[in-house]
Structures are given as C-alpha cells and as structure tokens.
Amino acid sequence: MIRQRRKSMPARLLALRDELQGELEIVMRVYFEKPRTTVGWKGLINDPHMG
C-alpha cells in the first residue's frame, strides 16, 4: 500500500500544480536521508535498491 501511495503522490501533485498554475507553486519535497535520527534505517540514499 505504501508503494501505491508513493507512486500516486507525484501524479496527484502534478495535477494540482497544473490546476493552480499562476496562483501557487506546488513542489514535491523528498528526503533522501533519514532526518535527525541515527538509529535504524539510514534513508534512501544509503539503500538505493529499496522498493
């Protein structure tokens, strides 16, 4: 289910960006490293073949 959401979010944001063009700039923010914590998964940048 998370993979489905991960793939659908960019499409949803693109549609919203097109709808609000000229009024609001929509930007997708992505973290490649796990912020603030050092325990557990270290983030996508350290596990690029995930998913």
PDB file of N, CA and C in Angstrom:
ATOM      1  N   MET A   1       0.820  -1.199   0.000  1.00  0.00           N
ATOM      2  CA  MET A   1       0.000   0.000   0.000  1.00  0.00           C
ATOM      3  C   MET A   1       0.864   1.263   0.000  1.00  0.00           C
ATOM      4  N   ILE A   2       1.972   1.236   0.726  1.00  0.00           N
ATOM      5  CA  ILE A   2       2.856   2.403   0.759  1.00  0.00           C
ATOM      6  C   ILE A   2       3.434   2.667  -0.623  1.00  0.00           C
ATOM      7  N   ARG A   3       3.786   1.586  -1.344  1.00  0.00           N
ATOM      8  CA  ARG A   3       4.334   1.764  -2.695  1.00  0.00           C
ATOM      9  C   ARG A   3       3.316   2.420  -3.614  1.00  0.00           C
ATOM     10  N   GLN A   4       2.043   2.033  -3.479  1.00  0.00           N
ATOM     11  CA  GLN A   4       0.996   2.640  -4.297  1.00  0.00           C
ATOM     12  C   GLN A   4       0.888   4.127  -4.009  1.00  0.00           C
ATOM     13  N   ARG A   5       0.924   4.489  -2.731  1.00  0.00           N
ATOM     14  CA  ARG A   5       0.854   5.907  -2.363  1.00  0.00           C
ATOM     15  C   ARG A   5       2.077   6.658  -2.865  1.00  0.00           C
ATOM     16  N   ARG A   6       3.238   6.013  -2.748  1.00  0.00           N
ATOM     17  CA  ARG A   6       4.478   6.658  -3.168  1.00  0.00           C
ATOM     18  C   ARG A   6       4.446   6.972  -4.662  1.00  0.00           C
ATOM     19  N   LYS A   7       3.828   6.102  -5.443  1.00  0.00           N
ATOM     20  CA  LYS A   7       3.760   6.320  -6.884  1.00  0.00           C
ATOM     21  C   LYS A   7       2.624   7.263  -7.278  1.00  0.00           C
ATOM     22  N   SER A   8       1.555   7.306  -6.495  1.00  0.00           N
ATOM     23  CA  SER A   8       0.415   8.138  -6.874  1.00  0.00           C
ATOM     24  C   SER A   8       0.590   9.596  -6.451  1.00  0.00           C
ATOM     25  N   MET A   9       1.374   9.849  -5.418  1.00  0.00           N
ATOM     26  CA  MET A   9       1.533  11.215  -4.918  1.00  0.00           C
ATOM     27  C   MET A   9       2.108  12.167  -5.974  1.00  0.00           C
ATOM     28  N   PRO A  10       3.168  11.794  -6.714  1.00  0.00           N
ATOM     29  CA  PRO A  10       3.670  12.727  -7.733  1.00  0.00           C
ATOM     30  C   PRO A  10       2.615  13.068  -8.787  1.00  0.00           C
ATOM     31  N   ALA A  11       1.819  12.098  -9.189  1.00  0.00           N
ATOM     32  CA  ALA A  11       0.764  12.351 -10.179  1.00  0.00           C
ATOM     33  C   ALA A  11      -0.296  13.294  -9.619  1.00  0.00           C
ATOM     34  N   ARG A  12      -0.661  13.094  -8.365  1.00  0.00           N
ATOM     35  CA  ARG A  12      -1.655  13.975  -7.732  1.00  0.00           C
ATOM     36  C   ARG A  12      -1.125  15.401  -7.614  1.00  0.00           C
ATOM     37  N   LEU A  13       0.142  15.524  -7.233  1.00  0.00           N
ATOM     38  CA  LEU A  13       0.729  16.859  -7.102  1.00  0.00           C
ATOM     39  C   LEU A  13       0.860  17.548  -8.457  1.00  0.00           C
ATOM     40  N   LEU A  14       1.180  16.783  -9.497  1.00  0.00           N
ATOM     41  CA  LEU A  14       1.288  17.365 -10.835  1.00  0.00           C
ATOM     42  C   LEU A  14      -0.062  17.905 -11.302  1.00  0.00           C
ATOM     43  N   ALA A  15      -1.124  17.151 -11.056  1.00  0.00           N
ATOM     44  CA  ALA A  15      -2.467  17.614 -11.428  1.00  0.00           C
ATOM     45  C   ALA A  15      -2.831  18.878 -10.653  1.00  0.00           C
ATOM     46  N   LEU A  16      -2.523  18.897  -9.371  1.00  0.00           N
ATOM     47  CA  LEU A  16      -2.804  20.071  -8.548  1.00  0.00           C
ATOM     48  C   LEU A  16      -1.968  21.265  -8.999  1.00  0.00           C
ATOM     49  N   ARG A  17      -0.719  21.010  -9.361  1.00  0.00           N
ATOM     50  CA  ARG A  17       0.163  22.078  -9.840  1.00  0.00           C
ATOM     51  C   ARG A  17      -0.388  22.700 -11.127  1.00  0.00           C
ATOM     52  N   ASP A  18      -0.854  21.846 -12.034  1.00  0.00           N
ATOM     53  CA  ASP A  18      -1.443  22.355 -13.279  1.00  0.00           C
ATOM     54  C   ASP A  18      -2.697  23.183 -12.999  1.00  0.00           C
ATOM     55  N   GLU A  19      -3.507  22.715 -12.061  1.00  0.00           N
ATOM     56  CA  GLU A  19      -4.748  23.414 -11.709  1.00  0.00           C
ATOM     57  C   GLU A  19      -4.471  24.791 -11.100  1.00  0.00           C
ATOM     58  N   LEU A  20      -3.435  24.898 -10.295  1.00  0.00           N
ATOM     59  CA  LEU A  20      -3.142  26.143  -9.575  1.00  0.00           C
ATOM     60  C   LEU A  20      -2.049  26.990 -10.231  1.00  0.00           C
ATOM     61  N   GLN A  21      -1.680  26.640 -11.444  1.00  0.00           N
ATOM     62  CA  GLN A  21      -0.631  27.371 -12.157  1.00  0.00           C
ATOM     63  C   GLN A  21      -0.950  28.865 -12.204  1.00  0.00           C
ATOM     64  N   GLY A  22       0.020  29.666 -11.859  1.00  0.00           N
ATOM     65  CA  GLY A  22      -0.160  31.107 -11.848  1.00  0.00           C
ATOM     66  C   GLY A  22      -0.626  31.658 -10.506  1.00  0.00           C
ATOM     67  N   GLU A  23      -1.143  30.781  -9.652  1.00  0.00           N
ATOM     68  CA  GLU A  23      -1.604  31.206  -8.327  1.00  0.00           C
ATOM     69  C   GLU A  23      -0.694  30.711  -7.209  1.00  0.00           C
ATOM     70  N   LEU A  24      -0.212  29.471  -7.368  1.00  0.00           N
ATOM     71  CA  LEU A  24       0.568  28.840  -6.305  1.00  0.00           C
ATOM     72  C   LEU A  24       1.554  27.864  -6.933  1.00  0.00           C
ATOM     73  N   GLU A  25       2.768  27.844  -6.446  1.00  0.00           N
ATOM     74  CA  GLU A  25       3.774  26.901  -6.945  1.00  0.00           C
ATOM     75  C   GLU A  25       3.788  25.673  -6.036  1.00  0.00           C
ATOM     76  N   ILE A  26       3.491  24.517  -6.597  1.00  0.00           N
ATOM     77  CA  ILE A  26       3.483  23.262  -5.850  1.00  0.00           C
ATOM     78  C   ILE A  26       4.799  22.539  -6.128  1.00  0.00           C
ATOM     79  N   VAL A  27       5.488  22.155  -5.060  1.00  0.00           N
ATOM     80  CA  VAL A  27       6.774  21.468  -5.179  1.00  0.00           C
ATOM     81  C   VAL A  27       6.741  20.230  -4.296  1.00  0.00           C
ATOM     82  N   MET A  28       7.172  19.102  -4.841  1.00  0.00           N
ATOM     83  CA  MET A  28       7.237  17.876  -4.049  1.00  0.00           C
ATOM     84  C   MET A  28       8.565  17.836  -3.302  1.00  0.00           C
ATOM     85  N   ARG A  29       8.481  17.645  -2.018  1.00  0.00           N
ATOM     86  CA  ARG A  29       9.677  17.592  -1.180  1.00  0.00           C
ATOM     87  C   ARG A  29       9.985  16.128  -0.847  1.00  0.00           C
ATOM     88  N   VAL A  30      11.231  15.733  -1.086  1.00  0.00           N
ATOM     89  CA  VAL A  30      11.636  14.346  -0.874  1.00  0.00           C
ATOM     90  C   VAL A  30      12.894  14.311  -0.029  1.00  0.00           C
ATOM     91  N   TYR A  31      12.891  13.468   0.992  1.00  0.00           N
ATOM     92  CA  TYR A  31      14.088  13.261   1.810  1.00  0.00           C
ATOM     93  C   TYR A  31      14.815  12.016   1.308  1.00  0.00           C
ATOM     94  N   PHE A  32      16.088  12.162   0.976  1.00  0.00           N
ATOM     95  CA  PHE A  32      16.877  11.008   0.558  1.00  0.00           C
ATOM     96  C   PHE A  32      17.629  10.398   1.730  1.00  0.00           C
ATOM     97  N   GLU A  33      17.748  11.121   2.803  1.00  0.00           N
ATOM     98  CA  GLU A  33      18.349  10.596   4.018  1.00  0.00           C
ATOM     99  C   GLU A  33      17.336  10.729   5.143  1.00  0.00           C
ATOM    100  N   LYS A  34      17.407   9.834   6.085  1.00  0.00           N
ATOM    101  CA  LYS A  34      16.502   9.895   7.226  1.00  0.00           C
ATOM    102  C   LYS A  34      16.931  11.070   8.100  1.00  0.00           C
ATOM    103  N   PRO A  35      16.077  12.052   8.298  1.00  0.00           N
ATOM    104  CA  PRO A  35      16.472  13.238   9.063  1.00  0.00           C
ATOM    105  C   PRO A  35      16.529  13.009  10.569  1.00  0.00           C
ATOM    106  N   ARG A  36      17.446  13.638  11.207  1.00  0.00           N
ATOM    107  CA  ARG A  36      17.543  13.797  12.662  1.00  0.00           C
ATOM    108  C   ARG A  36      17.883  12.562  13.477  1.00  0.00           C
ATOM    109  N   THR A  37      17.642  11.379  13.009  1.00  0.00           N
ATOM    110  CA  THR A  37      17.925  10.214  13.847  1.00  0.00           C
ATOM    111  C   THR A  37      19.026   9.366  13.226  1.00  0.00           C
ATOM    112  N   THR A  38      19.730   8.648  14.043  1.00  0.00           N
ATOM    113  CA  THR A  38      20.818   7.812  13.536  1.00  0.00           C
ATOM    114  C   THR A  38      20.567   6.332  13.789  1.00  0.00           C
ATOM    115  N   VAL A  39      19.454   5.985  14.398  1.00  0.00           N
ATOM    116  CA  VAL A  39      19.135   4.601  14.706  1.00  0.00           C
ATOM    117  C   VAL A  39      18.187   4.055  13.646  1.00  0.00           C
ATOM    118  N   GLY A  40      18.408   2.835  13.191  1.00  0.00           N
ATOM    119  CA  GLY A  40      17.501   2.210  12.235  1.00  0.00           C
ATOM    120  C   GLY A  40      17.881   2.500  10.797  1.00  0.00           C
ATOM    121  N   TRP A  41      16.871   2.543   9.947  1.00  0.00           N
ATOM    122  CA  TRP A  41      17.090   2.745   8.519  1.00  0.00           C
ATOM    123  C   TRP A  41      17.739   4.090   8.276  1.00  0.00           C
ATOM    124  N   LYS A  42      18.793   4.121   7.460  1.00  0.00           N
ATOM    125  CA  LYS A  42      19.571   5.344   7.254  1.00  0.00           C
ATOM    126  C   LYS A  42      19.054   6.199   6.101  1.00  0.00           C
ATOM    127  N   GLY A  43      18.022   5.752   5.414  1.00  0.00           N
ATOM    128  CA  GLY A  43      17.433   6.558   4.357  1.00  0.00           C
ATOM    129  C   GLY A  43      17.705   6.017   2.968  1.00  0.00           C
ATOM    130  N   LEU A  44      16.987   6.539   1.985  1.00  0.00           N
ATOM    131  CA  LEU A  44      17.060   6.071   0.602  1.00  0.00           C
ATOM    132  C   LEU A  44      18.449   6.219   0.000  1.00  0.00           C
ATOM    133  N   ILE A  45      19.163   7.271   0.357  1.00  0.00           N
ATOM    134  CA  ILE A  45      20.478   7.498  -0.234  1.00  0.00           C
ATOM    135  C   ILE A  45      21.453   6.375   0.124  1.00  0.00           C
ATOM    136  N   ASN A  46      21.224   5.715   1.249  1.00  0.00           N
ATOM    137  CA  ASN A  46      22.067   4.599   1.674  1.00  0.00           C
ATOM    138  C   ASN A  46      21.482   3.238   1.302  1.00  0.00           C
ATOM    139  N   ASP A  47      20.284   3.203   0.749  1.00  0.00           N
ATOM    140  CA  ASP A  47      19.600   1.969   0.370  1.00  0.00           C
ATOM    141  C   ASP A  47      18.895   2.191  -0.969  1.00  0.00           C
ATOM    142  N   PRO A  48      19.660   2.488  -2.051  1.00  0.00           N
ATOM    143  CA  PRO A  48      19.051   2.916  -3.313  1.00  0.00           C
ATOM    144  C   PRO A  48      18.254   1.834  -4.040  1.00  0.00           C
ATOM    145  N   HIS A  49      18.437   0.565  -3.696  1.00  0.00           N
ATOM    146  CA  HIS A  49      17.733  -0.508  -4.399  1.00  0.00           C
ATOM    147  C   HIS A  49      16.453  -0.931  -3.691  1.00  0.00           C
ATOM    148  N   MET A  50      16.060  -0.168  -2.692  1.00  0.00           N
ATOM    149  CA  MET A  50      14.830  -0.462  -1.975  1.00  0.00           C
ATOM    150  C   MET A  50      13.618  -0.267  -2.892  1.00  0.00           C
ATOM    151  N   GLY A  51      12.653  -1.119  -2.748  1.00  0.00           N
ATOM    152  CA  GLY A  51      11.396  -0.942  -3.446  1.00  0.00           C
ATOM    153  C   GLY A  51      11.415  -1.380  -4.841  1.00  0.00           C
TER     154      GLY A  51
END
